[in-house]
Amino acid sequence: MNHSDTPRVTVLTVPDCPSAPLIRERITEALQGRTVPVEWIEVQDADEAVRHRMTGSPTLLVDGVDPFAHSGAAPSLSCRLYRHADGTTDGAPAVADLRIALTGSGPSRTSPR
């Protein structure tokens, strides 16, 4: 396998983040059929949040970049909410959005498997 084909995926959370199980489940679903190592980092304090560029828990980084970043968002240990295409929000990106972020493919037009 070519290393450049596999994104470096990191999930930043605070201890006992209530959305950690949800993002873990959605990442697993989005990566269905692909083996991609995911590094989980528990951020303990504000200095670590700044160092890791965490803008709320959970924060997903793909090759060191937050694909769901909002301009001007400050580093934070707070709970993070993600807005979905239908206008609803919850504590993790939608599976379709994660699939795009993790595979680099455009709008999800692939047939379900």
N, C-alpha and C. Protein backbone atom coordinates (compact mmCIF):
# COMPACT_ATOMS: atom_id res chain seq x y z
N MET A 1 0.85 -1.19 0.00
CA MET A 1 0.00 0.00 0.00
C MET A 1 0.88 1.24 0.00
N ASN A 2 0.54 2.18 -0.82
CA ASN A 2 1.27 3.43 -0.89
C ASN A 2 0.90 4.30 0.31
N HIS A 3 1.88 4.72 1.10
CA HIS A 3 1.61 5.52 2.30
C HIS A 3 0.86 6.80 1.99
N SER A 4 1.14 7.40 0.83
CA SER A 4 0.51 8.67 0.51
C SER A 4 -0.99 8.51 0.25
N ASP A 5 -1.44 7.29 -0.01
CA ASP A 5 -2.86 7.04 -0.24
C ASP A 5 -3.65 6.95 1.06
N THR A 6 -2.96 6.79 2.18
CA THR A 6 -3.62 6.64 3.47
C THR A 6 -3.50 7.93 4.25
N PRO A 7 -4.65 8.56 4.55
CA PRO A 7 -4.58 9.81 5.31
C PRO A 7 -4.15 9.55 6.75
N ARG A 8 -3.52 10.54 7.35
CA ARG A 8 -3.20 10.48 8.78
C ARG A 8 -4.41 11.06 9.51
N VAL A 9 -5.11 10.23 10.25
CA VAL A 9 -6.35 10.64 10.91
C VAL A 9 -6.13 10.70 12.42
N THR A 10 -6.49 11.84 12.99
CA THR A 10 -6.38 12.06 14.42
C THR A 10 -7.71 12.59 14.93
N VAL A 11 -8.15 12.07 16.07
CA VAL A 11 -9.34 12.60 16.72
C VAL A 11 -8.91 13.13 18.08
N LEU A 12 -9.22 14.41 18.31
CA LEU A 12 -8.91 15.06 19.57
C LEU A 12 -10.17 15.15 20.40
N THR A 13 -10.10 14.67 21.64
CA THR A 13 -11.25 14.75 22.54
C THR A 13 -10.79 15.20 23.92
N VAL A 14 -11.74 15.65 24.71
CA VAL A 14 -11.47 15.88 26.13
C VAL A 14 -11.79 14.58 26.84
N PRO A 15 -11.27 14.38 28.07
CA PRO A 15 -11.60 13.16 28.80
C PRO A 15 -13.12 13.02 28.97
N ASP A 16 -13.61 11.81 28.79
CA ASP A 16 -15.03 11.50 28.94
C ASP A 16 -15.93 12.28 28.00
N CYS A 17 -15.44 12.62 26.82
CA CYS A 17 -16.24 13.35 25.83
C CYS A 17 -17.48 12.52 25.49
N PRO A 18 -18.68 13.08 25.66
CA PRO A 18 -19.89 12.31 25.37
C PRO A 18 -20.07 12.02 23.88
N SER A 19 -19.38 12.75 23.01
CA SER A 19 -19.51 12.51 21.56
C SER A 19 -18.43 11.59 21.00
N ALA A 20 -17.47 11.18 21.81
CA ALA A 20 -16.40 10.30 21.33
C ALA A 20 -16.94 8.99 20.76
N PRO A 21 -17.87 8.30 21.44
CA PRO A 21 -18.38 7.06 20.85
C PRO A 21 -19.10 7.30 19.52
N LEU A 22 -19.79 8.44 19.39
CA LEU A 22 -20.52 8.74 18.16
C LEU A 22 -19.56 8.97 16.99
N ILE A 23 -18.51 9.77 17.20
CA ILE A 23 -17.58 10.02 16.10
C ILE A 23 -16.81 8.74 15.76
N ARG A 24 -16.50 7.93 16.76
CA ARG A 24 -15.81 6.66 16.50
C ARG A 24 -16.68 5.77 15.60
N GLU A 25 -17.95 5.67 15.93
CA GLU A 25 -18.89 4.86 15.15
C GLU A 25 -19.01 5.39 13.72
N ARG A 26 -19.12 6.70 13.57
CA ARG A 26 -19.29 7.28 12.24
C ARG A 26 -18.02 7.17 11.40
N ILE A 27 -16.85 7.31 12.02
CA ILE A 27 -15.60 7.13 11.28
C ILE A 27 -15.50 5.69 10.79
N THR A 28 -15.83 4.75 11.65
CA THR A 28 -15.80 3.34 11.26
C THR A 28 -16.72 3.10 10.07
N GLU A 29 -17.92 3.66 10.11
CA GLU A 29 -18.86 3.50 9.01
C GLU A 29 -18.35 4.18 7.74
N ALA A 30 -17.79 5.37 7.88
CA ALA A 30 -17.29 6.10 6.71
C ALA A 30 -16.12 5.39 6.05
N LEU A 31 -15.32 4.68 6.84
CA LEU A 31 -14.14 3.99 6.32
C LEU A 31 -14.45 2.55 5.91
N GLN A 32 -15.69 2.18 5.94
CA GLN A 32 -16.08 0.80 5.66
C GLN A 32 -15.30 0.23 4.47
N GLY A 33 -14.61 -0.86 4.74
CA GLY A 33 -13.84 -1.49 3.69
C GLY A 33 -12.41 -1.00 3.58
N ARG A 34 -12.06 0.04 4.30
CA ARG A 34 -10.69 0.57 4.27
C ARG A 34 -10.08 0.47 5.65
N THR A 35 -8.81 0.17 5.68
CA THR A 35 -8.09 0.15 6.95
C THR A 35 -7.27 1.42 7.04
N VAL A 36 -7.68 2.29 7.93
CA VAL A 36 -6.96 3.55 8.16
C VAL A 36 -6.75 3.68 9.66
N PRO A 37 -5.50 3.76 10.09
CA PRO A 37 -5.27 3.94 11.52
C PRO A 37 -5.76 5.30 11.99
N VAL A 38 -6.42 5.30 13.13
CA VAL A 38 -6.93 6.54 13.72
C VAL A 38 -6.25 6.72 15.07
N GLU A 39 -5.59 7.86 15.23
CA GLU A 39 -4.94 8.18 16.51
C GLU A 39 -5.93 8.97 17.36
N TRP A 40 -6.14 8.53 18.58
CA TRP A 40 -7.05 9.20 19.52
C TRP A 40 -6.20 9.90 20.57
N ILE A 41 -6.38 11.22 20.70
CA ILE A 41 -5.62 12.00 21.67
C ILE A 41 -6.59 12.67 22.63
N GLU A 42 -6.40 12.40 23.93
CA GLU A 42 -7.18 13.10 24.96
C GLU A 42 -6.44 14.37 25.33
N VAL A 43 -7.09 15.49 25.10
CA VAL A 43 -6.51 16.80 25.37
C VAL A 43 -6.89 17.19 26.80
N GLN A 44 -5.89 17.46 27.61
CA GLN A 44 -6.11 17.66 29.04
C GLN A 44 -6.31 19.11 29.46
N ASP A 45 -5.73 20.06 28.70
CA ASP A 45 -5.82 21.45 29.14
C ASP A 45 -5.78 22.40 27.94
N ALA A 46 -5.97 23.68 28.23
CA ALA A 46 -6.06 24.70 27.18
C ALA A 46 -4.77 24.80 26.37
N ASP A 47 -3.61 24.63 27.02
CA ASP A 47 -2.35 24.70 26.29
C ASP A 47 -2.26 23.59 25.24
N GLU A 48 -2.71 22.39 25.61
CA GLU A 48 -2.73 21.28 24.65
C GLU A 48 -3.72 21.57 23.52
N ALA A 49 -4.86 22.15 23.85
CA ALA A 49 -5.86 22.49 22.83
C ALA A 49 -5.25 23.43 21.80
N VAL A 50 -4.49 24.41 22.26
CA VAL A 50 -3.83 25.34 21.35
C VAL A 50 -2.79 24.60 20.51
N ARG A 51 -1.97 23.79 21.15
CA ARG A 51 -0.89 23.07 20.46
C ARG A 51 -1.45 22.13 19.37
N HIS A 52 -2.57 21.46 19.66
CA HIS A 52 -3.15 20.52 18.69
C HIS A 52 -4.16 21.16 17.74
N ARG A 53 -4.45 22.46 17.96
CA ARG A 53 -5.44 23.18 17.15
C ARG A 53 -6.83 22.55 17.29
N MET A 54 -7.20 22.23 18.51
CA MET A 54 -8.50 21.64 18.80
C MET A 54 -9.52 22.76 19.03
N THR A 55 -10.60 22.74 18.26
CA THR A 55 -11.62 23.78 18.39
C THR A 55 -12.92 23.19 18.93
N GLY A 56 -12.78 22.38 19.94
CA GLY A 56 -13.92 21.72 20.57
C GLY A 56 -13.77 20.22 20.46
N SER A 57 -14.46 19.53 21.33
CA SER A 57 -14.36 18.07 21.39
C SER A 57 -15.64 17.43 20.88
N PRO A 58 -15.50 16.55 19.89
CA PRO A 58 -14.29 16.06 19.24
C PRO A 58 -13.90 16.91 18.04
N THR A 59 -12.58 16.96 17.78
CA THR A 59 -12.05 17.59 16.57
C THR A 59 -11.37 16.51 15.76
N LEU A 60 -11.71 16.43 14.48
CA LEU A 60 -11.09 15.48 13.55
C LEU A 60 -10.02 16.22 12.76
N LEU A 61 -8.84 15.62 12.67
CA LEU A 61 -7.77 16.15 11.83
C LEU A 61 -7.42 15.10 10.78
N VAL A 62 -7.36 15.52 9.54
CA VAL A 62 -6.95 14.65 8.44
C VAL A 62 -5.67 15.24 7.88
N ASP A 63 -4.60 14.50 8.01
CA ASP A 63 -3.27 15.01 7.63
C ASP A 63 -2.98 16.34 8.31
N GLY A 64 -3.41 16.46 9.57
CA GLY A 64 -3.12 17.65 10.38
C GLY A 64 -4.06 18.82 10.17
N VAL A 65 -5.08 18.66 9.30
CA VAL A 65 -6.00 19.74 8.98
C VAL A 65 -7.42 19.36 9.42
N ASP A 66 -8.12 20.31 10.00
CA ASP A 66 -9.51 20.10 10.41
C ASP A 66 -10.40 20.39 9.20
N PRO A 67 -10.97 19.35 8.56
CA PRO A 67 -11.78 19.58 7.37
C PRO A 67 -13.12 20.25 7.67
N PHE A 68 -13.47 20.36 8.95
CA PHE A 68 -14.73 20.96 9.35
C PHE A 68 -14.53 22.28 10.09
N ALA A 69 -13.33 22.86 9.95
CA ALA A 69 -12.98 24.09 10.66
C ALA A 69 -13.85 25.26 10.19
N HIS A 70 -14.14 26.13 11.12
CA HIS A 70 -14.83 27.38 10.82
C HIS A 70 -13.84 28.51 11.01
N SER A 71 -13.82 29.42 10.07
CA SER A 71 -12.90 30.55 10.12
C SER A 71 -13.05 31.30 11.44
N GLY A 72 -11.94 31.54 12.09
CA GLY A 72 -11.94 32.31 13.32
C GLY A 72 -12.24 31.51 14.58
N ALA A 73 -12.46 30.20 14.45
CA ALA A 73 -12.74 29.38 15.63
C ALA A 73 -11.48 29.31 16.50
N ALA A 74 -11.65 29.60 17.77
CA ALA A 74 -10.53 29.59 18.70
C ALA A 74 -10.35 28.21 19.30
N PRO A 75 -9.12 27.87 19.69
CA PRO A 75 -8.90 26.61 20.39
C PRO A 75 -9.80 26.53 21.63
N SER A 76 -10.35 25.34 21.87
CA SER A 76 -11.33 25.22 22.94
C SER A 76 -11.41 23.79 23.45
N LEU A 77 -11.74 23.67 24.75
CA LEU A 77 -11.99 22.37 25.36
C LEU A 77 -13.49 22.08 25.44
N SER A 78 -14.31 22.96 24.89
CA SER A 78 -15.76 22.81 24.97
C SER A 78 -16.27 21.69 24.07
N CYS A 79 -17.52 21.32 24.25
CA CYS A 79 -18.15 20.36 23.34
C CYS A 79 -18.34 21.03 22.00
N ARG A 80 -18.13 20.28 20.95
CA ARG A 80 -18.26 20.82 19.59
C ARG A 80 -19.51 20.24 18.94
N LEU A 81 -20.21 21.09 18.21
CA LEU A 81 -21.38 20.65 17.46
C LEU A 81 -21.10 20.76 15.97
N TYR A 82 -21.62 19.80 15.23
CA TYR A 82 -21.47 19.79 13.77
C TYR A 82 -22.85 19.94 13.14
N ARG A 83 -22.95 20.86 12.17
CA ARG A 83 -24.21 21.08 11.45
C ARG A 83 -24.24 20.16 10.24
N HIS A 84 -25.41 19.53 10.05
CA HIS A 84 -25.59 18.60 8.94
C HIS A 84 -26.35 19.28 7.80
N ALA A 85 -26.36 18.64 6.65
CA ALA A 85 -27.01 19.19 5.45
C ALA A 85 -28.49 19.50 5.69
N ASP A 86 -29.14 18.71 6.55
CA ASP A 86 -30.57 18.94 6.81
C ASP A 86 -30.82 19.99 7.88
N GLY A 87 -29.74 20.64 8.36
CA GLY A 87 -29.89 21.71 9.34
C GLY A 87 -29.81 21.26 10.79
N THR A 88 -29.83 19.96 11.03
CA THR A 88 -29.71 19.47 12.41
C THR A 88 -28.26 19.53 12.85
N THR A 89 -28.05 19.44 14.15
CA THR A 89 -26.69 19.41 14.70
C THR A 89 -26.56 18.28 15.70
N ASP A 90 -25.36 17.76 15.82
CA ASP A 90 -25.03 16.85 16.92
C ASP A 90 -23.52 16.84 17.08
N GLY A 91 -23.02 15.93 17.88
CA GLY A 91 -21.62 15.97 18.31
C GLY A 91 -20.60 15.35 17.39
N ALA A 92 -20.99 14.99 16.16
CA ALA A 92 -20.02 14.42 15.21
C ALA A 92 -20.48 14.72 13.79
N PRO A 93 -19.51 14.80 12.85
CA PRO A 93 -19.89 15.00 11.46
C PRO A 93 -20.73 13.82 10.95
N ALA A 94 -21.57 14.09 9.96
CA ALA A 94 -22.36 13.04 9.34
C ALA A 94 -21.44 12.05 8.62
N VAL A 95 -21.88 10.81 8.48
CA VAL A 95 -21.08 9.78 7.82
C VAL A 95 -20.69 10.21 6.41
N ALA A 96 -21.63 10.77 5.65
CA ALA A 96 -21.34 11.20 4.27
C ALA A 96 -20.25 12.28 4.27
N ASP A 97 -20.31 13.21 5.21
CA ASP A 97 -19.30 14.27 5.30
C ASP A 97 -17.95 13.69 5.69
N LEU A 98 -17.95 12.73 6.61
CA LEU A 98 -16.70 12.07 7.01
C LEU A 98 -16.10 11.31 5.84
N ARG A 99 -16.93 10.64 5.07
CA ARG A 99 -16.45 9.87 3.92
C ARG A 99 -15.71 10.80 2.95
N ILE A 100 -16.28 11.97 2.70
CA ILE A 100 -15.64 12.94 1.80
C ILE A 100 -14.32 13.41 2.41
N ALA A 101 -14.34 13.75 3.69
CA ALA A 101 -13.13 14.26 4.36
C ALA A 101 -12.02 13.21 4.40
N LEU A 102 -12.40 11.95 4.59
CA LEU A 102 -11.40 10.89 4.77
C LEU A 102 -10.91 10.30 3.45
N THR A 103 -11.68 10.43 2.39
CA THR A 103 -11.26 9.84 1.13
C THR A 103 -10.87 10.89 0.10
N GLY A 104 -11.24 12.15 0.37
CA GLY A 104 -10.93 13.22 -0.57
C GLY A 104 -11.82 13.20 -1.80
N SER A 105 -12.84 12.33 -1.78
CA SER A 105 -13.75 12.28 -2.93
C SER A 105 -14.73 13.43 -2.84
N GLY A 106 -15.24 13.84 -3.97
CA GLY A 106 -16.18 14.94 -4.03
C GLY A 106 -17.49 14.55 -3.39
N PRO A 107 -18.55 15.30 -3.68
CA PRO A 107 -19.86 15.01 -3.10
C PRO A 107 -20.20 13.54 -3.26
N SER A 108 -20.73 12.97 -2.23
CA SER A 108 -20.98 11.53 -2.18
C SER A 108 -22.00 11.11 -3.22
N ARG A 109 -21.50 10.62 -4.33
CA ARG A 109 -22.38 10.13 -5.40
C ARG A 109 -22.10 8.66 -5.67
N THR A 110 -21.38 8.04 -4.78
CA THR A 110 -21.07 6.64 -4.96
C THR A 110 -22.27 5.80 -4.58
N SER A 111 -22.38 4.64 -5.19
CA SER A 111 -23.51 3.78 -4.86
C SER A 111 -23.23 3.10 -3.53
N PRO A 112 -24.30 2.87 -2.74
CA PRO A 112 -24.11 2.21 -1.44
C PRO A 112 -23.61 0.79 -1.62
N ARG A 113 -22.81 0.35 -0.67
CA ARG A 113 -22.29 -1.01 -0.72
C ARG A 113 -22.82 -1.83 0.40
